[in-house]
């Protein structure tokens, strides 16, 4: 600058900080992903672990489901056709719990469907014993054939229950039921394809 004045630099975009992590999974061709609404709530930017940006198409806090879209060649998971979770059925939980603490790779736990309703007999939820941690939210609950039968949504607050009843509950975790998930996907015109297990 010949005048001796410094040129004003272009304003920098605000620095974004990682505020939450969760698990999502591809549910249909075209890059459609499912996770929990609480995973994306309040986020200005949602990205995959590698940095690819995702678009939030719909988030329904009352169901705690969110639909996202990205670009991918990854094959979607299949939903189980016909049957919801069955009592005493074995399940697998896949996700990325405790980001930055545990392995950065996928973590899988196993358990059993222990109740066909959630807190207060909420039939939109079911209970399972497979361990989950923060970061598992939004991940798939899979049957032994690898088909999705629900979405990880929460775990019982063991410390709160201990204060109320004097005992620590173990392995009390909840998933969003398959009918609730399918209704959400149909309401968003997502071309998912259920398969028989």
C-alpha atoms as a PDB file:
ATOM      1  CA  UNK A   1       0.000   0.000   0.000  1.00  0.00           C
ATOM      2  CA  UNK A   2       1.634   3.245  -1.178  1.00  0.00           C
ATOM      3  CA  UNK A   3      -0.268   5.449   1.213  1.00  0.00           C
ATOM      4  CA  UNK A   4       1.266   3.762   4.213  1.00  0.00           C
ATOM      5  CA  UNK A   5      -2.141   2.653   5.479  1.00  0.00           C
ATOM      6  CA  UNK A   6      -2.800  -0.970   6.071  1.00  0.00           C
ATOM      7  CA  UNK A   7      -5.673  -2.522   4.188  1.00  0.00           C
ATOM      8  CA  UNK A   8      -8.510  -3.916   6.242  1.00  0.00           C
ATOM      9  CA  UNK A   9      -8.369  -7.670   6.268  1.00  0.00           C
ATOM     10  CA  UNK A  10     -11.476  -9.591   5.347  1.00  0.00           C
ATOM     11  CA  UNK A  11     -13.456 -10.498   8.459  1.00  0.00           C
ATOM     12  CA  UNK A  12     -12.747 -13.987   9.692  1.00  0.00           C
ATOM     13  CA  UNK A  13     -15.624 -16.382  10.065  1.00  0.00           C
ATOM     14  CA  UNK A  14     -16.422 -17.185  13.691  1.00  0.00           C
ATOM     15  CA  UNK A  15     -14.420 -20.080  15.071  1.00  0.00           C
ATOM     16  CA  UNK A  16     -16.630 -23.118  15.586  1.00  0.00           C
ATOM     17  CA  UNK A  17     -16.052 -25.418  18.515  1.00  0.00           C
ATOM     18  CA  UNK A  18     -17.023 -29.050  18.872  1.00  0.00           C
ATOM     19  CA  UNK A  19     -19.894 -29.010  21.342  1.00  0.00           C
ATOM     20  CA  UNK A  20     -21.394 -32.457  20.953  1.00  0.00           C
ATOM     21  CA  UNK A  21     -20.860 -35.794  19.310  1.00  0.00           C
ATOM     22  CA  UNK A  22     -23.269 -38.543  18.464  1.00  0.00           C
ATOM     23  CA  UNK A  23     -23.784 -41.405  16.095  1.00  0.00           C
ATOM     24  CA  UNK A  24     -25.672 -41.369  12.820  1.00  0.00           C
ATOM     25  CA  UNK A  25     -26.220 -44.000  10.173  1.00  0.00           C
ATOM     26  CA  UNK A  26     -27.263 -44.131   6.542  1.00  0.00           C
ATOM     27  CA  UNK A  27     -30.878 -45.277   6.182  1.00  0.00           C
ATOM     28  CA  UNK A  28     -31.554 -44.888   2.447  1.00  0.00           C
ATOM     29  CA  UNK A  29     -29.753 -44.292  -0.857  1.00  0.00           C
ATOM     30  CA  UNK A  30     -28.992 -40.670  -1.623  1.00  0.00           C
ATOM     31  CA  UNK A  31     -27.062 -39.979   1.573  1.00  0.00           C
ATOM     32  CA  UNK A  32     -29.983 -39.922   4.048  1.00  0.00           C
ATOM     33  CA  UNK A  33     -28.846 -40.313   7.662  1.00  0.00           C
ATOM     34  CA  UNK A  34     -30.710 -40.779  10.936  1.00  0.00           C
ATOM     35  CA  UNK A  35     -29.628 -39.607  14.384  1.00  0.00           C
ATOM     36  CA  UNK A  36     -31.307 -38.100  17.448  1.00  0.00           C
ATOM     37  CA  UNK A  37     -32.713 -34.578  17.405  1.00  0.00           C
ATOM     38  CA  UNK A  38     -30.814 -33.856  20.634  1.00  0.00           C
ATOM     39  CA  UNK A  39     -27.530 -34.635  18.823  1.00  0.00           C
ATOM     40  CA  UNK A  40     -28.035 -31.803  16.298  1.00  0.00           C
ATOM     41  CA  UNK A  41     -29.999 -29.399  18.500  1.00  0.00           C
ATOM     42  CA  UNK A  42     -28.448 -25.936  18.538  1.00  0.00           C
ATOM     43  CA  UNK A  43     -25.686 -26.869  16.087  1.00  0.00           C
ATOM     44  CA  UNK A  44     -24.680 -24.302  13.482  1.00  0.00           C
ATOM     45  CA  UNK A  45     -22.749 -26.933  11.565  1.00  0.00           C
ATOM     46  CA  UNK A  46     -23.067 -30.729  11.519  1.00  0.00           C
ATOM     47  CA  UNK A  47     -20.200 -32.749  10.073  1.00  0.00           C
ATOM     48  CA  UNK A  48     -19.028 -36.308   9.779  1.00  0.00           C
ATOM     49  CA  UNK A  49     -15.863 -37.300  11.609  1.00  0.00           C
ATOM     50  CA  UNK A  50     -13.842 -36.681   8.430  1.00  0.00           C
ATOM     51  CA  UNK A  51     -15.196 -33.125   8.128  1.00  0.00           C
ATOM     52  CA  UNK A  52     -17.825 -33.589   5.398  1.00  0.00           C
ATOM     53  CA  UNK A  53     -20.781 -31.296   6.050  1.00  0.00           C
ATOM     54  CA  UNK A  54     -24.284 -32.639   6.544  1.00  0.00           C
ATOM     55  CA  UNK A  55     -27.576 -30.859   5.951  1.00  0.00           C
ATOM     56  CA  UNK A  56     -30.236 -31.184   8.651  1.00  0.00           C
ATOM     57  CA  UNK A  57     -33.475 -31.830   6.734  1.00  0.00           C
ATOM     58  CA  UNK A  58     -35.786 -32.296   9.719  1.00  0.00           C
ATOM     59  CA  UNK A  59     -35.491 -32.610  13.484  1.00  0.00           C
ATOM     60  CA  UNK A  60     -38.452 -33.652  15.616  1.00  0.00           C
ATOM     61  CA  UNK A  61     -37.660 -33.108  19.301  1.00  0.00           C
ATOM     62  CA  UNK A  62     -40.883 -34.844  20.445  1.00  0.00           C
ATOM     63  CA  UNK A  63     -39.716 -38.105  18.825  1.00  0.00           C
ATOM     64  CA  UNK A  64     -36.007 -37.223  19.290  1.00  0.00           C
ATOM     65  CA  UNK A  65     -35.273 -38.089  15.663  1.00  0.00           C
ATOM     66  CA  UNK A  66     -33.396 -36.100  13.037  1.00  0.00           C
ATOM     67  CA  UNK A  67     -32.957 -36.641   9.306  1.00  0.00           C
ATOM     68  CA  UNK A  68     -29.757 -35.450   7.689  1.00  0.00           C
ATOM     69  CA  UNK A  69     -28.331 -35.642   4.197  1.00  0.00           C
ATOM     70  CA  UNK A  70     -24.811 -35.860   2.887  1.00  0.00           C
ATOM     71  CA  UNK A  71     -22.928 -37.216  -0.084  1.00  0.00           C
ATOM     72  CA  UNK A  72     -21.769 -40.808   0.251  1.00  0.00           C
ATOM     73  CA  UNK A  73     -21.105 -44.082  -1.491  1.00  0.00           C
ATOM     74  CA  UNK A  74     -21.731 -45.988   1.761  1.00  0.00           C
ATOM     75  CA  UNK A  75     -24.544 -48.549   1.558  1.00  0.00           C
ATOM     76  CA  UNK A  76     -27.444 -47.819   3.907  1.00  0.00           C
ATOM     77  CA  UNK A  77     -28.437 -50.118   6.755  1.00  0.00           C
ATOM     78  CA  UNK A  78     -31.699 -52.026   6.300  1.00  0.00           C
ATOM     79  CA  UNK A  79     -34.619 -51.768   8.676  1.00  0.00           C
ATOM     80  CA  UNK A  80     -36.210 -55.012   9.792  1.00  0.00           C
ATOM     81  CA  UNK A  81     -39.463 -55.729   8.022  1.00  0.00           C
ATOM     82  CA  UNK A  82     -42.500 -56.769   9.980  1.00  0.00           C
ATOM     83  CA  UNK A  83     -41.464 -57.152  13.598  1.00  0.00           C
ATOM     84  CA  UNK A  84     -40.602 -54.618  16.213  1.00  0.00           C
ATOM     85  CA  UNK A  85     -38.202 -55.486  19.009  1.00  0.00           C
ATOM     86  CA  UNK A  86     -39.155 -58.695  20.819  1.00  0.00           C
ATOM     87  CA  UNK A  87     -38.773 -59.303  24.536  1.00  0.00           C
ATOM     88  CA  UNK A  88     -35.506 -61.164  25.320  1.00  0.00           C
ATOM     89  CA  UNK A  89     -34.213 -60.636  21.763  1.00  0.00           C
ATOM     90  CA  UNK A  90     -30.444 -60.202  21.444  1.00  0.00           C
ATOM     91  CA  UNK A  91     -29.339 -56.805  20.124  1.00  0.00           C
ATOM     92  CA  UNK A  92     -26.142 -55.080  19.033  1.00  0.00           C
ATOM     93  CA  UNK A  93     -25.447 -51.394  19.542  1.00  0.00           C
ATOM     94  CA  UNK A  94     -23.025 -49.724  17.128  1.00  0.00           C
ATOM     95  CA  UNK A  95     -21.682 -46.244  17.668  1.00  0.00           C
ATOM     96  CA  UNK A  96     -18.949 -43.858  18.660  1.00  0.00           C
ATOM     97  CA  UNK A  97     -19.212 -43.368  22.434  1.00  0.00           C
ATOM     98  CA  UNK A  98     -17.067 -41.044  24.527  1.00  0.00           C
ATOM     99  CA  UNK A  99     -15.439 -39.323  21.558  1.00  0.00           C
ATOM    100  CA  UNK A 100     -11.813 -38.438  22.227  1.00  0.00           C
ATOM    101  CA  UNK A 101     -11.556 -40.882  25.139  1.00  0.00           C
ATOM    102  CA  UNK A 102     -12.237 -44.335  23.710  1.00  0.00           C
ATOM    103  CA  UNK A 103     -11.089 -45.724  20.371  1.00  0.00           C
ATOM    104  CA  UNK A 104     -11.911 -43.474  17.429  1.00  0.00           C
ATOM    105  CA  UNK A 105     -13.219 -46.543  15.583  1.00  0.00           C
ATOM    106  CA  UNK A 106     -16.688 -47.974  15.855  1.00  0.00           C
ATOM    107  CA  UNK A 107     -17.632 -49.536  19.188  1.00  0.00           C
ATOM    108  CA  UNK A 108     -20.107 -52.436  19.383  1.00  0.00           C
ATOM    109  CA  UNK A 109     -21.843 -53.707  22.515  1.00  0.00           C
ATOM    110  CA  UNK A 110     -24.316 -56.549  22.940  1.00  0.00           C
ATOM    111  CA  UNK A 111     -27.361 -56.992  25.124  1.00  0.00           C
ATOM    112  CA  UNK A 112     -30.980 -58.035  25.286  1.00  0.00           C
ATOM    113  CA  UNK A 113     -34.334 -56.321  24.863  1.00  0.00           C
ATOM    114  CA  UNK A 114     -35.513 -56.195  28.469  1.00  0.00           C
ATOM    115  CA  UNK A 115     -38.857 -54.340  28.100  1.00  0.00           C
ATOM    116  CA  UNK A 116     -41.132 -53.408  25.223  1.00  0.00           C
ATOM    117  CA  UNK A 117     -41.856 -49.929  26.579  1.00  0.00           C
ATOM    118  CA  UNK A 118     -39.852 -47.058  27.980  1.00  0.00           C
ATOM    119  CA  UNK A 119     -40.324 -44.881  31.056  1.00  0.00           C
ATOM    120  CA  UNK A 120     -43.978 -44.554  32.067  1.00  0.00           C
ATOM    121  CA  UNK A 121     -44.974 -47.357  29.654  1.00  0.00           C
ATOM    122  CA  UNK A 122     -44.112 -45.220  26.612  1.00  0.00           C
ATOM    123  CA  UNK A 123     -44.554 -47.631  23.666  1.00  0.00           C
ATOM    124  CA  UNK A 124     -42.561 -45.323  21.376  1.00  0.00           C
ATOM    125  CA  UNK A 125     -39.519 -46.619  23.268  1.00  0.00           C
ATOM    126  CA  UNK A 126     -38.138 -49.978  24.346  1.00  0.00           C
ATOM    127  CA  UNK A 127     -35.543 -50.934  26.943  1.00  0.00           C
ATOM    128  CA  UNK A 128     -32.336 -52.890  26.350  1.00  0.00           C
ATOM    129  CA  UNK A 129     -29.330 -54.002  28.389  1.00  0.00           C
ATOM    130  CA  UNK A 130     -26.441 -53.355  25.959  1.00  0.00           C
ATOM    131  CA  UNK A 131     -24.176 -50.692  27.489  1.00  0.00           C
ATOM    132  CA  UNK A 132     -24.313 -47.198  25.964  1.00  0.00           C
ATOM    133  CA  UNK A 133     -22.370 -44.033  26.726  1.00  0.00           C
ATOM    134  CA  UNK A 134     -22.554 -40.399  25.629  1.00  0.00           C
ATOM    135  CA  UNK A 135     -21.863 -40.422  21.881  1.00  0.00           C
ATOM    136  CA  UNK A 136     -23.949 -43.567  21.268  1.00  0.00           C
ATOM    137  CA  UNK A 137     -27.029 -41.338  20.886  1.00  0.00           C
ATOM    138  CA  UNK A 138     -28.585 -41.696  17.455  1.00  0.00           C
ATOM    139  CA  UNK A 139     -26.878 -44.998  16.696  1.00  0.00           C
ATOM    140  CA  UNK A 140     -28.690 -48.049  15.386  1.00  0.00           C
ATOM    141  CA  UNK A 141     -30.036 -50.872  17.528  1.00  0.00           C
ATOM    142  CA  UNK A 142     -29.475 -53.974  15.394  1.00  0.00           C
ATOM    143  CA  UNK A 143     -30.916 -57.477  15.511  1.00  0.00           C
ATOM    144  CA  UNK A 144     -28.617 -60.481  15.093  1.00  0.00           C
ATOM    145  CA  UNK A 145     -29.176 -60.361  11.313  1.00  0.00           C
ATOM    146  CA  UNK A 146     -27.796 -56.823  11.233  1.00  0.00           C
ATOM    147  CA  UNK A 147     -31.150 -55.134  10.572  1.00  0.00           C
ATOM    148  CA  UNK A 148     -32.152 -51.964  12.410  1.00  0.00           C
ATOM    149  CA  UNK A 149     -34.911 -52.412  15.000  1.00  0.00           C
ATOM    150  CA  UNK A 150     -34.533 -49.058  16.751  1.00  0.00           C
ATOM    151  CA  UNK A 151     -32.404 -46.008  17.501  1.00  0.00           C
ATOM    152  CA  UNK A 152     -30.386 -45.471  20.691  1.00  0.00           C
ATOM    153  CA  UNK A 153     -31.945 -42.521  22.519  1.00  0.00           C
ATOM    154  CA  UNK A 154     -31.035 -42.482  26.235  1.00  0.00           C
ATOM    155  CA  UNK A 155     -29.931 -44.247  29.355  1.00  0.00           C
ATOM    156  CA  UNK A 156     -31.431 -44.127  32.801  1.00  0.00           C
ATOM    157  CA  UNK A 157     -29.753 -41.585  35.062  1.00  0.00           C
ATOM    158  CA  UNK A 158     -28.312 -44.040  37.588  1.00  0.00           C
ATOM    159  CA  UNK A 159     -27.291 -41.362  40.099  1.00  0.00           C
ATOM    160  CA  UNK A 160     -30.771 -39.847  40.157  1.00  0.00           C
ATOM    161  CA  UNK A 161     -32.368 -43.253  40.723  1.00  0.00           C
ATOM    162  CA  UNK A 162     -29.820 -44.060  43.432  1.00  0.00           C
ATOM    163  CA  UNK A 163     -30.840 -40.868  45.251  1.00  0.00           C
ATOM    164  CA  UNK A 164     -34.519 -41.887  44.994  1.00  0.00           C
ATOM    165  CA  UNK A 165     -34.393 -45.600  45.837  1.00  0.00           C
ATOM    166  CA  UNK A 166     -30.959 -46.186  47.346  1.00  0.00           C
ATOM    167  CA  UNK A 167     -29.725 -48.594  44.659  1.00  0.00           C
ATOM    168  CA  UNK A 168     -27.826 -48.129  41.406  1.00  0.00           C
ATOM    169  CA  UNK A 169     -29.709 -49.497  38.364  1.00  0.00           C
ATOM    170  CA  UNK A 170     -27.567 -51.343  35.834  1.00  0.00           C
ATOM    171  CA  UNK A 171     -27.832 -51.527  32.040  1.00  0.00           C
ATOM    172  CA  UNK A 172     -31.135 -49.642  31.728  1.00  0.00           C
ATOM    173  CA  UNK A 173     -31.019 -48.044  28.280  1.00  0.00           C
ATOM    174  CA  UNK A 174     -33.687 -47.002  25.802  1.00  0.00           C
ATOM    175  CA  UNK A 175     -34.254 -47.088  22.068  1.00  0.00           C
ATOM    176  CA  UNK A 176     -36.778 -45.450  19.792  1.00  0.00           C
ATOM    177  CA  UNK A 177     -39.111 -48.164  18.514  1.00  0.00           C
ATOM    178  CA  UNK A 178     -39.097 -49.366  14.916  1.00  0.00           C
ATOM    179  CA  UNK A 179     -42.705 -48.215  14.242  1.00  0.00           C
ATOM    180  CA  UNK A 180     -41.837 -44.691  15.462  1.00  0.00           C
ATOM    181  CA  UNK A 181     -38.729 -44.638  13.253  1.00  0.00           C
ATOM    182  CA  UNK A 182     -40.653 -45.878  10.196  1.00  0.00           C
ATOM    183  CA  UNK A 183     -43.401 -43.305  10.729  1.00  0.00           C
ATOM    184  CA  UNK A 184     -40.772 -40.547  10.901  1.00  0.00           C
ATOM    185  CA  UNK A 185     -39.099 -41.760   7.692  1.00  0.00           C
ATOM    186  CA  UNK A 186     -42.409 -42.100   5.817  1.00  0.00           C
ATOM    187  CA  UNK A 187     -43.403 -38.602   6.936  1.00  0.00           C
ATOM    188  CA  UNK A 188     -40.179 -37.318   5.377  1.00  0.00           C
ATOM    189  CA  UNK A 189     -40.570 -39.334   2.128  1.00  0.00           C
ATOM    190  CA  UNK A 190     -37.338 -41.252   2.739  1.00  0.00           C
ATOM    191  CA  UNK A 191     -37.055 -44.235   0.342  1.00  0.00           C
ATOM    192  CA  UNK A 192     -35.987 -46.852   2.905  1.00  0.00           C
ATOM    193  CA  UNK A 193     -36.337 -50.555   2.102  1.00  0.00           C
ATOM    194  CA  UNK A 194     -37.139 -52.932   5.016  1.00  0.00           C
ATOM    195  CA  UNK A 195     -35.834 -56.500   4.819  1.00  0.00           C
ATOM    196  CA  UNK A 196     -36.949 -59.685   6.518  1.00  0.00           C
ATOM    197  CA  UNK A 197     -34.584 -61.035   9.172  1.00  0.00           C
END
